Amino acid sequence: MAKQMRCADVVPGCDYTAWAETEEELMELVVAHARTAHGIEEVTPEVAEKVQEAIQDV
């Protein structure tokens, strides 16, 4: 089952949505987006937890 994460669930107002076949692939996309769109160079455990909570099966 594919995975989806909507950035707006973590960062209000952001319309980015990522889809991938695995959670690992999804996290790579989300980390790259966080770096380029939000200037986040290092994902803290707190941010990673919020992202994990926002991941949905699609």
PDB file of N, CA and C in Angstrom:
ATOM      1  N   MET A   1       0.844  -1.175   0.000  1.00  0.00           N
ATOM      2  CA  MET A   1       0.000   0.000   0.000  1.00  0.00           C
ATOM      3  C   MET A   1       0.893   1.244   0.000  1.00  0.00           C
ATOM      4  N   ALA A   2       0.574   2.171  -0.844  1.00  0.00           N
ATOM      5  CA  ALA A   2       1.363   3.402  -0.957  1.00  0.00           C
ATOM      6  C   ALA A   2       1.146   4.290   0.272  1.00  0.00           C
ATOM      7  N   LYS A   3       2.079   5.207   0.458  1.00  0.00           N
ATOM      8  CA  LYS A   3       2.046   6.139   1.588  1.00  0.00           C
ATOM      9  C   LYS A   3       1.918   7.563   1.071  1.00  0.00           C
ATOM     10  N   GLN A   4       1.292   8.411   1.874  1.00  0.00           N
ATOM     11  CA  GLN A   4       1.113   9.822   1.527  1.00  0.00           C
ATOM     12  C   GLN A   4       1.347  10.672   2.769  1.00  0.00           C
ATOM     13  N   MET A   5       1.903  11.859   2.538  1.00  0.00           N
ATOM     14  CA  MET A   5       2.075  12.815   3.627  1.00  0.00           C
ATOM     15  C   MET A   5       1.798  14.198   3.077  1.00  0.00           C
ATOM     16  N   ARG A   6       0.846  14.912   3.705  1.00  0.00           N
ATOM     17  CA  ARG A   6       0.533  16.289   3.323  1.00  0.00           C
ATOM     18  C   ARG A   6       1.304  17.211   4.256  1.00  0.00           C
ATOM     19  N   CYS A   7       2.118  18.071   3.704  1.00  0.00           N
ATOM     20  CA  CYS A   7       2.932  18.972   4.508  1.00  0.00           C
ATOM     21  C   CYS A   7       2.065  19.869   5.383  1.00  0.00           C
ATOM     22  N   ALA A   8       0.893  20.244   4.900  1.00  0.00           N
ATOM     23  CA  ALA A   8       0.003  21.116   5.667  1.00  0.00           C
ATOM     24  C   ALA A   8      -0.387  20.511   7.010  1.00  0.00           C
ATOM     25  N   ASP A   9      -0.282  19.190   7.136  1.00  0.00           N
ATOM     26  CA  ASP A   9      -0.578  18.549   8.413  1.00  0.00           C
ATOM     27  C   ASP A   9       0.507  18.840   9.448  1.00  0.00           C
ATOM     28  N   VAL A  10       1.662  19.304   8.981  1.00  0.00           N
ATOM     29  CA  VAL A  10       2.780  19.635   9.867  1.00  0.00           C
ATOM     30  C   VAL A  10       3.076  21.134   9.818  1.00  0.00           C
ATOM     31  N   VAL A  11       3.024  21.702   8.607  1.00  0.00           N
ATOM     32  CA  VAL A  11       3.302  23.124   8.398  1.00  0.00           C
ATOM     33  C   VAL A  11       2.057  23.760   7.776  1.00  0.00           C
ATOM     34  N   PRO A  12       1.220  24.397   8.592  1.00  0.00           N
ATOM     35  CA  PRO A  12      -0.012  24.997   8.053  1.00  0.00           C
ATOM     36  C   PRO A  12       0.278  25.944   6.880  1.00  0.00           C
ATOM     37  N   GLY A  13      -0.550  25.808   5.846  1.00  0.00           N
ATOM     38  CA  GLY A  13      -0.427  26.685   4.690  1.00  0.00           C
ATOM     39  C   GLY A  13       0.420  26.138   3.560  1.00  0.00           C
ATOM     40  N   CYS A  14       1.144  25.043   3.792  1.00  0.00           N
ATOM     41  CA  CYS A  14       1.969  24.462   2.729  1.00  0.00           C
ATOM     42  C   CYS A  14       1.116  23.461   1.948  1.00  0.00           C
ATOM     43  N   ASP A  15       1.119  23.578   0.623  1.00  0.00           N
ATOM     44  CA  ASP A  15       0.269  22.703  -0.181  1.00  0.00           C
ATOM     45  C   ASP A  15       0.998  21.496  -0.773  1.00  0.00           C
ATOM     46  N   TYR A  16       2.205  21.211  -0.314  1.00  0.00           N
ATOM     47  CA  TYR A  16       2.990  20.075  -0.817  1.00  0.00           C
ATOM     48  C   TYR A  16       2.413  18.759  -0.293  1.00  0.00           C
ATOM     49  N   THR A  17       2.295  17.792  -1.179  1.00  0.00           N
ATOM     50  CA  THR A  17       1.911  16.435  -0.804  1.00  0.00           C
ATOM     51  C   THR A  17       2.884  15.478  -1.465  1.00  0.00           C
ATOM     52  N   ALA A  18       3.379  14.520  -0.688  1.00  0.00           N
ATOM     53  CA  ALA A  18       4.318  13.522  -1.209  1.00  0.00           C
ATOM     54  C   ALA A  18       3.663  12.152  -1.185  1.00  0.00           C
ATOM     55  N   TRP A  19       3.947  11.349  -2.202  1.00  0.00           N
ATOM     56  CA  TRP A  19       3.485   9.972  -2.284  1.00  0.00           C
ATOM     57  C   TRP A  19       4.677   9.099  -2.589  1.00  0.00           C
ATOM     58  N   ALA A  20       4.683   7.892  -2.011  1.00  0.00           N
ATOM     59  CA  ALA A  20       5.731   6.921  -2.299  1.00  0.00           C
ATOM     60  C   ALA A  20       5.218   5.529  -1.955  1.00  0.00           C
ATOM     61  N   GLU A  21       5.923   4.529  -2.449  1.00  0.00           N
ATOM     62  CA  GLU A  21       5.524   3.149  -2.190  1.00  0.00           C
ATOM     63  C   GLU A  21       5.883   2.702  -0.770  1.00  0.00           C
ATOM     64  N   THR A  22       6.957   3.248  -0.218  1.00  0.00           N
ATOM     65  CA  THR A  22       7.372   2.856   1.129  1.00  0.00           C
ATOM     66  C   THR A  22       7.528   4.088   2.009  1.00  0.00           C
ATOM     67  N   GLU A  23       7.480   3.866   3.312  1.00  0.00           N
ATOM     68  CA  GLU A  23       7.660   4.967   4.247  1.00  0.00           C
ATOM     69  C   GLU A  23       9.074   5.544   4.147  1.00  0.00           C
ATOM     70  N   GLU A  24      10.041   4.694   3.899  1.00  0.00           N
ATOM     71  CA  GLU A  24      11.429   5.166   3.753  1.00  0.00           C
ATOM     72  C   GLU A  24      11.565   6.111   2.561  1.00  0.00           C
ATOM     73  N   GLU A  25      10.992   5.724   1.422  1.00  0.00           N
ATOM     74  CA  GLU A  25      11.035   6.584   0.232  1.00  0.00           C
ATOM     75  C   GLU A  25      10.289   7.899   0.494  1.00  0.00           C
ATOM     76  N   LEU A  26       9.169   7.801   1.187  1.00  0.00           N
ATOM     77  CA  LEU A  26       8.386   8.991   1.504  1.00  0.00           C
ATOM     78  C   LEU A  26       9.185   9.948   2.378  1.00  0.00           C
ATOM     79  N   MET A  27       9.860   9.423   3.382  1.00  0.00           N
ATOM     80  CA  MET A  27      10.654  10.266   4.272  1.00  0.00           C
ATOM     81  C   MET A  27      11.764  10.978   3.503  1.00  0.00           C
ATOM     82  N   GLU A  28      12.363  10.330   2.532  1.00  0.00           N
ATOM     83  CA  GLU A  28      13.402  10.971   1.711  1.00  0.00           C
ATOM     84  C   GLU A  28      12.810  12.171   0.969  1.00  0.00           C
ATOM     85  N   LEU A  29      11.617  12.005   0.400  1.00  0.00           N
ATOM     86  CA  LEU A  29      10.962  13.106  -0.310  1.00  0.00           C
ATOM     87  C   LEU A  29      10.609  14.244   0.647  1.00  0.00           C
ATOM     88  N   VAL A  30      10.099  13.896   1.811  1.00  0.00           N
ATOM     89  CA  VAL A  30       9.684  14.906   2.791  1.00  0.00           C
ATOM     90  C   VAL A  30      10.887  15.680   3.312  1.00  0.00           C
ATOM     91  N   VAL A  31      11.986  14.987   3.580  1.00  0.00           N
ATOM     92  CA  VAL A  31      13.202  15.659   4.065  1.00  0.00           C
ATOM     93  C   VAL A  31      13.723  16.618   2.993  1.00  0.00           C
ATOM     94  N   ALA A  32      13.730  16.183   1.735  1.00  0.00           N
ATOM     95  CA  ALA A  32      14.189  17.058   0.653  1.00  0.00           C
ATOM     96  C   ALA A  32      13.279  18.285   0.537  1.00  0.00           C
ATOM     97  N   HIS A  33      11.981  18.095   0.658  1.00  0.00           N
ATOM     98  CA  HIS A  33      11.041  19.217   0.605  1.00  0.00           C
ATOM     99  C   HIS A  33      11.275  20.165   1.782  1.00  0.00           C
ATOM    100  N   ALA A  34      11.434  19.620   2.968  1.00  0.00           N
ATOM    101  CA  ALA A  34      11.651  20.458   4.161  1.00  0.00           C
ATOM    102  C   ALA A  34      12.896  21.319   3.990  1.00  0.00           C
ATOM    103  N   ARG A  35      13.924  20.758   3.377  1.00  0.00           N
ATOM    104  CA  ARG A  35      15.171  21.492   3.164  1.00  0.00           C
ATOM    105  C   ARG A  35      14.974  22.620   2.156  1.00  0.00           C
ATOM    106  N   THR A  36      14.367  22.311   1.018  1.00  0.00           N
ATOM    107  CA  THR A  36      14.276  23.305  -0.043  1.00  0.00           C
ATOM    108  C   THR A  36      13.165  24.326   0.184  1.00  0.00           C
ATOM    109  N   ALA A  37      12.024  23.886   0.706  1.00  0.00           N
ATOM    110  CA  ALA A  37      10.879  24.794   0.839  1.00  0.00           C
ATOM    111  C   ALA A  37      10.819  25.519   2.182  1.00  0.00           C
ATOM    112  N   HIS A  38      11.363  24.878   3.225  1.00  0.00           N
ATOM    113  CA  HIS A  38      11.214  25.446   4.562  1.00  0.00           C
ATOM    114  C   HIS A  38      12.549  25.764   5.241  1.00  0.00           C
ATOM    115  N   GLY A  39      13.653  25.496   4.551  1.00  0.00           N
ATOM    116  CA  GLY A  39      14.962  25.821   5.105  1.00  0.00           C
ATOM    117  C   GLY A  39      15.374  24.967   6.288  1.00  0.00           C
ATOM    118  N   ILE A  40      14.769  23.806   6.437  1.00  0.00           N
ATOM    119  CA  ILE A  40      15.104  22.908   7.543  1.00  0.00           C
ATOM    120  C   ILE A  40      16.273  22.039   7.113  1.00  0.00           C
ATOM    121  N   GLU A  41      17.432  22.283   7.706  1.00  0.00           N
ATOM    122  CA  GLU A  41      18.636  21.530   7.337  1.00  0.00           C
ATOM    123  C   GLU A  41      18.735  20.196   8.066  1.00  0.00           C
ATOM    124  N   GLU A  42      18.205  20.140   9.285  1.00  0.00           N
ATOM    125  CA  GLU A  42      18.272  18.908  10.067  1.00  0.00           C
ATOM    126  C   GLU A  42      16.898  18.641  10.659  1.00  0.00           C
ATOM    127  N   VAL A  43      16.397  17.450  10.424  1.00  0.00           N
ATOM    128  CA  VAL A  43      15.090  17.076  10.952  1.00  0.00           C
ATOM    129  C   VAL A  43      15.276  16.599  12.389  1.00  0.00           C
ATOM    130  N   THR A  44      14.685  17.340  13.308  1.00  0.00           N
ATOM    131  CA  THR A  44      14.788  16.977  14.721  1.00  0.00           C
ATOM    132  C   THR A  44      13.862  15.796  15.022  1.00  0.00           C
ATOM    133  N   PRO A  45      14.090  15.105  16.120  1.00  0.00           N
ATOM    134  CA  PRO A  45      13.181  14.010  16.495  1.00  0.00           C
ATOM    135  C   PRO A  45      11.729  14.478  16.635  1.00  0.00           C
ATOM    136  N   GLU A  46      11.527  15.697  17.103  1.00  0.00           N
ATOM    137  CA  GLU A  46      10.170  16.217  17.253  1.00  0.00           C
ATOM    138  C   GLU A  46       9.484  16.388  15.899  1.00  0.00           C
ATOM    139  N   VAL A  47      10.222  16.932  14.940  1.00  0.00           N
ATOM    140  CA  VAL A  47       9.657  17.106  13.592  1.00  0.00           C
ATOM    141  C   VAL A  47       9.416  15.739  12.955  1.00  0.00           C
ATOM    142  N   ALA A  48      10.360  14.822  13.108  1.00  0.00           N
ATOM    143  CA  ALA A  48      10.204  13.481  12.546  1.00  0.00           C
ATOM    144  C   ALA A  48       8.955  12.806  13.111  1.00  0.00           C
ATOM    145  N   GLU A  49       8.687  13.000  14.391  1.00  0.00           N
ATOM    146  CA  GLU A  49       7.501  12.417  15.009  1.00  0.00           C
ATOM    147  C   GLU A  49       6.233  13.005  14.414  1.00  0.00           C
ATOM    148  N   LYS A  50       6.206  14.312  14.200  1.00  0.00           N
ATOM    149  CA  LYS A  50       5.041  14.957  13.588  1.00  0.00           C
ATOM    150  C   LYS A  50       4.814  14.431  12.175  1.00  0.00           C
ATOM    151  N   VAL A  51       5.901  14.255  11.440  1.00  0.00           N
ATOM    152  CA  VAL A  51       5.794  13.725  10.071  1.00  0.00           C
ATOM    153  C   VAL A  51       5.256  12.307  10.114  1.00  0.00           C
ATOM    154  N   GLN A  52       5.793  11.474  11.005  1.00  0.00           N
ATOM    155  CA  GLN A  52       5.332  10.083  11.132  1.00  0.00           C
ATOM    156  C   GLN A  52       3.826  10.049  11.399  1.00  0.00           C
ATOM    157  N   GLU A  53       3.361  10.936  12.269  1.00  0.00           N
ATOM    158  CA  GLU A  53       1.937  10.980  12.612  1.00  0.00           C
ATOM    159  C   GLU A  53       1.072  11.412  11.430  1.00  0.00           C
ATOM    160  N   ALA A  54       1.649  12.156  10.498  1.00  0.00           N
ATOM    161  CA  ALA A  54       0.904  12.670   9.349  1.00  0.00           C
ATOM    162  C   ALA A  54       0.870  11.709   8.172  1.00  0.00           C
ATOM    163  N   ILE A  55       1.658  10.642   8.218  1.00  0.00           N
ATOM    164  CA  ILE A  55       1.697   9.684   7.103  1.00  0.00           C
ATOM    165  C   ILE A  55       0.416   8.868   7.077  1.00  0.00           C
ATOM    166  N   GLN A  56      -0.131   8.741   5.867  1.00  0.00           N
ATOM    167  CA  GLN A  56      -1.363   7.983   5.667  1.00  0.00           C
ATOM    168  C   GLN A  56      -1.153   6.921   4.597  1.00  0.00           C
ATOM    169  N   ASP A  57      -1.871   5.814   4.728  1.00  0.00           N
ATOM    170  CA  ASP A  57      -1.891   4.809   3.679  1.00  0.00           C
ATOM    171  C   ASP A  57      -2.887   5.232   2.613  1.00  0.00           C
ATOM    172  N   VAL A  58      -2.489   5.071   1.345  1.00  0.00           N
ATOM    173  CA  VAL A  58      -3.397   5.408   0.243  1.00  0.00           C
ATOM    174  C   VAL A  58      -3.445   4.273  -0.760  1.00  0.00           C
TER     175      VAL A  58
END
